[in-house]
């Protein structure tokens, strides 16, 4: 009986289904794509599909961390992809301004130099995304606009803002120190892994070692009760959306550094959908409430493991969206099964009679 109870508790854990999905994908690769697990060392750097999963998935992990807090408050942030594009364009323009209508020599455009110190570039890039998150938070918490509508505004307008910053052009970056964020290595591992780890630890400390995490869950579960308890739901929502903007800005910085360019149309494209999927895979309900940052990060890893697995099998990029749709369907089915298990566990009596105990007679 105790084994059944312990197994049911394991199944109800937020980490169970996301780890199960990851194990299934890795098991599939072990059977059909064994070279997927091959890891080599070149110039003192580790490389391979597993390293690529962590490196390429770093921007999505960051966005998922911020999205987790937003969804936990009962909201959603559809503008994360556009915020990534704005931040990437801001950094690229500070390195090398868009030529516009003026004729600029190719030597100036391709020089390994910057018009702005790297520290200022990073600060301005992060500030741009954080201000976008603050804007979303003000619309949701102060203007009382539905989160779906409030963030949809910036989702649509953000691409236009990124185009205005870059003057409607794809800005190629040639400044080598800027590449360190997306292509650099420390102790053989990509720098982006350390950035994600640092942000995840800081976020975990902020929500688990302070009352902020409980306040976020309380706002998502019952905003009215939270208000009557003396907790400012407005400020909690504002904090969640602002932090989401910061995470999106950092993701845009890493992404533009990795691809060596800033494209207002394609940077961060569809990241909002992948981030929501990662959070849902991590067990956070879209209605708000309890959440797990680690499970959301694992959800992002599952998505990128699936993506690179399909590429390893030779699946074309156009067909990858159909494969992701199947992944979403499976996650929804597993998620529904977990909720059904919880309902059944609540409906069963807590006390179980022993076999020698008869109804109507007191237990000796």
Protein backbone atom coordinates (compact mmCIF):
# COMPACT_ATOMS: atom_id res chain seq x y z
CA UNK A 1 0.00 0.00 0.00
CA UNK A 2 2.82 2.36 0.88
CA UNK A 3 4.49 1.60 -2.45
CA UNK A 4 1.29 2.54 -4.29
CA UNK A 5 0.99 5.79 -2.37
CA UNK A 6 4.65 6.69 -2.96
CA UNK A 7 4.35 5.91 -6.70
CA UNK A 8 1.20 8.02 -6.97
CA UNK A 9 3.01 10.89 -5.31
CA UNK A 10 5.86 10.51 -7.77
CA UNK A 11 3.39 10.61 -10.67
CA UNK A 12 1.82 13.77 -9.26
CA UNK A 13 5.22 15.47 -9.12
CA UNK A 14 5.74 18.27 -11.63
CA UNK A 15 9.05 16.75 -12.67
CA UNK A 16 7.67 13.27 -13.41
CA UNK A 17 5.99 13.81 -16.78
CA UNK A 18 8.61 16.17 -18.19
CA UNK A 19 11.39 13.75 -17.21
CA UNK A 20 9.35 10.91 -18.68
CA UNK A 21 8.98 12.77 -21.99
CA UNK A 22 12.71 13.50 -22.04
CA UNK A 23 13.55 9.87 -21.27
CA UNK A 24 11.29 8.68 -24.10
CA UNK A 25 13.00 11.00 -26.61
CA UNK A 26 16.46 9.99 -25.41
CA UNK A 27 15.46 6.31 -25.58
CA UNK A 28 14.26 6.81 -29.14
CA UNK A 29 17.59 8.40 -30.03
CA UNK A 30 19.49 5.54 -28.38
CA UNK A 31 17.71 3.09 -30.69
CA UNK A 32 17.58 5.00 -33.96
CA UNK A 33 20.15 7.83 -33.67
CA UNK A 34 22.94 6.50 -31.43
CA UNK A 35 25.36 9.14 -32.66
CA UNK A 36 23.13 11.71 -30.95
CA UNK A 37 24.98 10.99 -27.68
CA UNK A 38 28.44 11.36 -29.14
CA UNK A 39 30.45 14.10 -27.40
CA UNK A 40 33.89 15.22 -28.55
CA UNK A 41 36.52 17.74 -27.56
CA UNK A 42 37.96 20.26 -29.98
CA UNK A 43 40.24 23.14 -28.98
CA UNK A 44 39.39 22.40 -25.36
CA UNK A 45 35.63 22.79 -26.00
CA UNK A 46 32.99 20.11 -25.69
CA UNK A 47 30.78 19.66 -28.74
CA UNK A 48 27.97 17.34 -29.74
CA UNK A 49 24.19 17.17 -29.93
CA UNK A 50 23.74 17.14 -26.15
CA UNK A 51 25.88 20.27 -25.83
CA UNK A 52 23.92 21.87 -28.67
CA UNK A 53 20.68 21.14 -26.84
CA UNK A 54 21.89 23.19 -23.86
CA UNK A 55 23.53 25.93 -25.93
CA UNK A 56 20.78 26.42 -28.52
CA UNK A 57 18.08 25.95 -25.91
CA UNK A 58 19.52 28.57 -23.55
CA UNK A 59 17.38 31.46 -24.90
CA UNK A 60 14.22 29.35 -24.58
CA UNK A 61 15.16 28.33 -21.04
CA UNK A 62 15.52 31.99 -20.06
CA UNK A 63 12.20 32.92 -21.64
CA UNK A 64 10.54 29.93 -19.94
CA UNK A 65 11.83 31.06 -16.53
CA UNK A 66 10.23 34.47 -16.96
CA UNK A 67 7.08 33.00 -18.50
CA UNK A 68 6.67 30.67 -15.52
CA UNK A 69 6.23 33.53 -13.08
CA UNK A 70 3.81 35.31 -15.41
CA UNK A 71 1.64 32.22 -15.92
CA UNK A 72 1.78 31.48 -12.19
CA UNK A 73 0.03 34.82 -11.59
CA UNK A 74 -2.76 33.76 -13.93
CA UNK A 75 -1.49 35.73 -16.92
CA UNK A 76 0.47 35.11 -20.10
CA UNK A 77 3.13 37.01 -22.03
CA UNK A 78 2.80 36.74 -25.81
CA UNK A 79 5.35 39.48 -26.45
CA UNK A 80 8.52 37.62 -25.40
CA UNK A 81 9.58 36.95 -29.01
CA UNK A 82 9.10 40.58 -29.99
CA UNK A 83 11.00 41.74 -26.90
CA UNK A 84 13.88 39.48 -27.96
CA UNK A 85 13.87 41.15 -31.37
CA UNK A 86 13.85 44.64 -29.83
CA UNK A 87 16.75 43.82 -27.52
CA UNK A 88 18.77 42.22 -30.31
CA UNK A 89 18.21 45.23 -32.55
CA UNK A 90 19.22 47.60 -29.75
CA UNK A 91 22.50 45.81 -29.19
CA UNK A 92 23.30 45.55 -32.90
CA UNK A 93 22.61 49.24 -33.55
CA UNK A 94 24.85 50.30 -30.66
CA UNK A 95 27.67 48.18 -32.08
CA UNK A 96 27.27 49.38 -35.65
CA UNK A 97 24.42 51.78 -36.54
CA UNK A 98 22.17 50.83 -39.44
CA UNK A 99 23.41 52.56 -42.62
CA UNK A 100 19.97 53.87 -43.61
CA UNK A 101 19.94 55.95 -46.78
CA UNK A 102 23.55 57.05 -46.43
CA UNK A 103 26.30 55.24 -48.29
CA UNK A 104 28.63 53.46 -45.91
CA UNK A 105 31.71 51.60 -47.05
CA UNK A 106 31.87 47.86 -46.60
CA UNK A 107 35.09 48.30 -44.63
CA UNK A 108 33.23 50.25 -41.93
CA UNK A 109 30.33 47.78 -41.79
CA UNK A 110 32.55 44.72 -41.45
CA UNK A 111 35.13 46.12 -39.03
CA UNK A 112 35.82 44.31 -35.78
CA UNK A 113 35.02 47.34 -33.68
CA UNK A 114 32.14 48.97 -31.85
CA UNK A 115 30.83 52.50 -31.53
CA UNK A 116 29.74 51.84 -27.93
CA UNK A 117 31.55 50.10 -25.06
CA UNK A 118 30.43 46.50 -24.58
CA UNK A 119 29.25 47.14 -21.02
CA UNK A 120 26.94 49.93 -22.22
CA UNK A 121 25.66 47.67 -25.00
CA UNK A 122 24.72 44.94 -22.53
CA UNK A 123 23.09 47.39 -20.11
CA UNK A 124 21.09 49.09 -22.88
CA UNK A 125 20.00 45.75 -24.33
CA UNK A 126 18.77 44.46 -20.97
CA UNK A 127 17.17 47.81 -20.13
CA UNK A 128 15.20 47.84 -23.40
CA UNK A 129 13.67 44.43 -22.71
CA UNK A 130 13.03 45.18 -19.05
CA UNK A 131 11.17 48.38 -19.99
CA UNK A 132 9.03 46.35 -22.38
CA UNK A 133 8.18 43.98 -19.54
CA UNK A 134 7.41 46.94 -17.30
CA UNK A 135 5.05 48.27 -19.99
CA UNK A 136 3.20 44.96 -20.10
CA UNK A 137 3.00 44.91 -16.32
CA UNK A 138 1.51 48.39 -16.20
CA UNK A 139 -1.13 47.49 -18.76
CA UNK A 140 -2.11 44.34 -16.84
CA UNK A 141 -1.84 45.54 -13.24
CA UNK A 142 -2.77 49.21 -13.50
CA UNK A 143 -4.84 49.55 -16.69
CA UNK A 144 -6.63 46.24 -15.92
CA UNK A 145 -6.29 45.00 -19.50
CA UNK A 146 -6.52 41.26 -19.98
CA UNK A 147 -2.99 39.78 -20.14
CA UNK A 148 -3.71 38.13 -23.50
CA UNK A 149 -4.70 41.46 -25.05
CA UNK A 150 -2.09 43.57 -23.24
CA UNK A 151 0.84 41.44 -24.36
CA UNK A 152 -0.64 40.93 -27.81
CA UNK A 153 -0.27 44.68 -28.31
CA UNK A 154 3.49 44.54 -27.84
CA UNK A 155 3.70 41.25 -29.72
CA UNK A 156 2.40 43.01 -32.83
CA UNK A 157 4.00 46.41 -32.27
CA UNK A 158 7.32 45.02 -31.03
CA UNK A 159 8.33 43.70 -34.43
CA UNK A 160 7.68 47.14 -35.88
CA UNK A 161 9.74 48.76 -33.11
CA UNK A 162 12.62 46.38 -33.84
CA UNK A 163 12.36 47.29 -37.54
CA UNK A 164 12.46 50.98 -36.68
CA UNK A 165 15.54 50.52 -34.53
CA UNK A 166 17.36 48.59 -37.28
CA UNK A 167 15.94 50.79 -40.05
CA UNK A 168 14.21 47.78 -41.58
CA UNK A 169 17.45 45.93 -42.26
CA UNK A 170 19.19 42.82 -41.01
CA UNK A 171 22.24 44.13 -39.15
CA UNK A 172 25.21 41.78 -39.32
CA UNK A 173 27.51 41.95 -36.30
CA UNK A 174 31.28 41.62 -36.74
CA UNK A 175 32.36 42.69 -33.25
CA UNK A 176 34.12 39.61 -31.87
CA UNK A 177 33.77 40.29 -28.08
CA UNK A 178 30.00 40.41 -28.53
CA UNK A 179 30.05 36.81 -29.76
CA UNK A 180 31.22 35.61 -26.35
CA UNK A 181 27.68 35.48 -24.93
CA UNK A 182 26.41 33.04 -27.54
CA UNK A 183 29.59 31.34 -28.74
CA UNK A 184 32.05 31.66 -25.87
CA UNK A 185 33.21 28.83 -23.62
CA UNK A 186 34.20 28.54 -19.97
CA UNK A 187 35.86 25.33 -18.81
CA UNK A 188 34.78 23.61 -22.01
CA UNK A 189 31.08 24.49 -21.69
CA UNK A 190 29.18 27.25 -23.53
CA UNK A 191 28.84 30.56 -21.71
CA UNK A 192 25.06 30.52 -22.28
CA UNK A 193 24.76 27.51 -19.93
CA UNK A 194 26.36 29.50 -17.11
CA UNK A 195 24.08 32.47 -17.81
CA UNK A 196 20.96 30.30 -17.64
CA UNK A 197 22.21 28.63 -14.45
CA UNK A 198 22.89 32.00 -12.80
CA UNK A 199 19.48 33.41 -13.71
CA UNK A 200 17.72 30.21 -12.62
CA UNK A 201 19.50 30.22 -9.25
CA UNK A 202 18.73 33.90 -8.66
CA UNK A 203 15.09 33.38 -9.61
CA UNK A 204 14.84 30.31 -7.37
CA UNK A 205 16.33 32.18 -4.43
CA UNK A 206 13.94 35.07 -5.05
CA UNK A 207 10.79 32.93 -5.15
CA UNK A 208 11.67 30.16 -2.68
CA UNK A 209 13.78 31.91 -0.05
CA UNK A 210 11.55 34.98 0.16
CA UNK A 211 7.74 35.39 0.40
CA UNK A 212 7.59 36.48 -3.26
CA UNK A 213 7.00 32.93 -4.49
CA UNK A 214 4.06 32.44 -2.14
CA UNK A 215 2.64 35.81 -3.17
CA UNK A 216 2.86 34.86 -6.85
CA UNK A 217 1.07 31.57 -6.25
CA UNK A 218 -1.56 33.31 -4.11
CA UNK A 219 -2.28 35.86 -6.84
CA UNK A 220 -2.68 33.07 -9.39
CA UNK A 221 -4.95 30.96 -7.17
CA UNK A 222 -7.22 33.67 -5.77
CA UNK A 223 -6.49 37.34 -6.51
CA UNK A 224 -9.41 38.64 -4.40
CA UNK A 225 -8.40 36.69 -1.32
CA UNK A 226 -4.84 37.87 -1.84
CA UNK A 227 -6.02 41.48 -1.94
CA UNK A 228 -8.02 41.08 1.26
CA UNK A 229 -4.97 39.50 2.90
CA UNK A 230 -3.07 42.73 2.43
CA UNK A 231 -0.89 41.54 -0.47
CA UNK A 232 -0.60 43.93 -3.41
CA UNK A 233 -1.57 41.81 -6.41
CA UNK A 234 -0.77 44.77 -8.68
CA UNK A 235 2.85 44.92 -7.60
CA UNK A 236 3.26 41.15 -7.83
CA UNK A 237 1.94 41.16 -11.41
CA UNK A 238 4.14 44.13 -12.26
CA UNK A 239 7.18 42.31 -10.89
CA UNK A 240 6.40 39.11 -12.83
CA UNK A 241 5.99 40.86 -16.20
CA UNK A 242 9.06 43.04 -15.64
CA UNK A 243 11.16 39.99 -14.85
CA UNK A 244 9.79 38.26 -17.94
CA UNK A 245 10.94 41.23 -20.02
CA UNK A 246 14.39 41.02 -18.46
CA UNK A 247 14.68 37.30 -19.26
CA UNK A 248 13.53 37.92 -22.84
CA UNK A 249 16.11 40.69 -23.23
CA UNK A 250 18.88 38.39 -22.02
CA UNK A 251 17.64 35.69 -24.40
CA UNK A 252 17.71 38.18 -27.29
CA UNK A 253 21.27 39.14 -26.36
CA UNK A 254 22.42 35.51 -26.44
CA UNK A 255 20.52 34.74 -29.65
CA UNK A 256 21.88 37.73 -31.59
CA UNK A 257 25.35 36.93 -30.32
CA UNK A 258 24.99 33.34 -31.49
CA UNK A 259 23.73 34.14 -35.01
CA UNK A 260 25.94 37.28 -35.37
CA UNK A 261 23.03 39.41 -36.53
CA UNK A 262 19.83 41.19 -35.54
CA UNK A 263 16.69 40.53 -37.60
CA UNK A 264 13.54 42.30 -36.46
CA UNK A 265 11.33 39.83 -38.31
CA UNK A 266 12.88 36.51 -37.28
CA UNK A 267 14.70 36.98 -33.96
CA UNK A 268 12.61 35.25 -31.30
CA UNK A 269 9.98 34.09 -33.80
CA UNK A 270 7.47 31.67 -32.17
CA UNK A 271 9.40 31.71 -28.90
CA UNK A 272 6.26 32.71 -27.04
CA UNK A 273 4.54 29.48 -28.09
CA UNK A 274 7.55 27.32 -27.21
CA UNK A 275 7.89 29.04 -23.85
CA UNK A 276 4.23 28.44 -22.98
CA UNK A 277 4.61 24.81 -24.01
CA UNK A 278 7.73 24.44 -21.84
CA UNK A 279 5.94 25.91 -18.83
CA UNK A 280 2.88 23.70 -19.33
CA UNK A 281 5.13 20.66 -19.71
CA UNK A 282 6.61 21.66 -16.36
CA UNK A 283 3.22 21.27 -14.72
CA UNK A 284 2.30 24.92 -14.22
CA UNK A 285 -1.40 25.39 -14.89
CA UNK A 286 -2.41 28.14 -17.29
CA UNK A 287 -4.97 29.29 -14.73
CA UNK A 288 -2.15 30.17 -12.35
CA UNK A 289 -1.02 28.91 -8.97
CA UNK A 290 1.82 26.60 -8.03
CA UNK A 291 4.85 26.47 -10.30
CA UNK A 292 8.30 24.94 -10.68
CA UNK A 293 11.18 26.79 -12.33
CA UNK A 294 13.23 23.62 -12.69
CA UNK A 295 10.38 21.81 -14.44
CA UNK A 296 9.96 24.70 -16.89
CA UNK A 297 13.68 24.64 -17.71
CA UNK A 298 13.45 20.89 -18.28
CA UNK A 299 10.45 21.51 -20.54
CA UNK A 300 12.60 23.80 -22.71
CA UNK A 301 15.32 21.13 -22.80
CA UNK A 302 12.73 18.55 -23.93
CA UNK A 303 11.62 20.82 -26.78
CA UNK A 304 15.16 21.34 -28.05
CA UNK A 305 16.05 17.68 -27.61
CA UNK A 306 13.04 16.83 -29.76
CA UNK A 307 14.00 19.49 -32.32
CA UNK A 308 17.59 18.34 -32.73
CA UNK A 309 16.46 14.70 -32.78
CA UNK A 310 14.23 15.45 -35.75
CA UNK A 311 17.09 17.23 -37.50
CA UNK A 312 19.34 14.22 -36.82
CA UNK A 313 16.75 11.99 -38.47
CA UNK A 314 16.75 14.21 -41.54
CA UNK A 315 13.29 15.69 -40.99
CA UNK A 316 13.03 18.97 -42.94
CA UNK A 317 12.50 22.19 -41.03
CA UNK A 318 9.08 22.74 -42.64
CA UNK A 319 7.81 19.42 -41.31
CA UNK A 320 9.20 20.06 -37.84
CA UNK A 321 6.14 22.11 -36.88
CA UNK A 322 3.92 19.08 -37.48
CA UNK A 323 6.19 17.05 -35.21
CA UNK A 324 5.94 19.67 -32.50
CA UNK A 325 2.15 19.55 -32.83
CA UNK A 326 2.31 15.83 -32.00
CA UNK A 327 4.51 16.63 -29.01
CA UNK A 328 1.98 19.22 -27.80
CA UNK A 329 -0.83 16.69 -28.15
CA UNK A 330 1.05 14.09 -26.13
CA UNK A 331 1.84 16.61 -23.42
CA UNK A 332 -1.81 17.66 -23.19
CA UNK A 333 -2.87 14.01 -22.87
CA UNK A 334 -0.33 13.37 -20.13
CA UNK A 335 -1.31 16.60 -18.41
CA UNK A 336 -5.00 15.63 -18.51
CA UNK A 337 -4.15 12.19 -17.12
CA UNK A 338 -2.30 13.78 -14.23
CA UNK A 339 -5.26 16.00 -13.37
CA UNK A 340 -7.55 12.96 -13.52
CA UNK A 341 -5.28 11.15 -11.07
CA UNK A 342 -5.46 14.10 -8.70
CA UNK A 343 -9.26 14.18 -8.87
CA UNK A 344 -9.48 10.48 -8.14
CA UNK A 345 -7.07 10.76 -5.23
CA UNK A 346 -9.20 13.54 -3.76
CA UNK A 347 -12.39 11.54 -4.15
CA UNK A 348 -11.01 8.40 -2.42
CA UNK A 349 -11.32 8.26 1.38
CA UNK A 350 -8.20 9.03 3.34
CA UNK A 351 -8.72 6.23 5.82
CA UNK A 352 -8.69 2.66 4.51
CA UNK A 353 -10.36 -0.08 6.49
CA UNK A 354 -8.38 -3.24 7.19
CA UNK A 355 -9.67 -6.61 6.10
CA UNK A 356 -10.57 -7.72 9.69
CA UNK A 357 -12.50 -4.50 10.27
CA UNK A 358 -16.23 -4.91 9.62
CA UNK A 359 -18.61 -2.05 8.82
CA UNK A 360 -20.61 -0.83 11.77
CA UNK A 361 -18.26 -2.26 14.36
CA UNK A 362 -15.69 -0.19 16.20
CA UNK A 363 -12.09 -1.05 15.59
CA UNK A 364 -10.50 -2.62 18.67
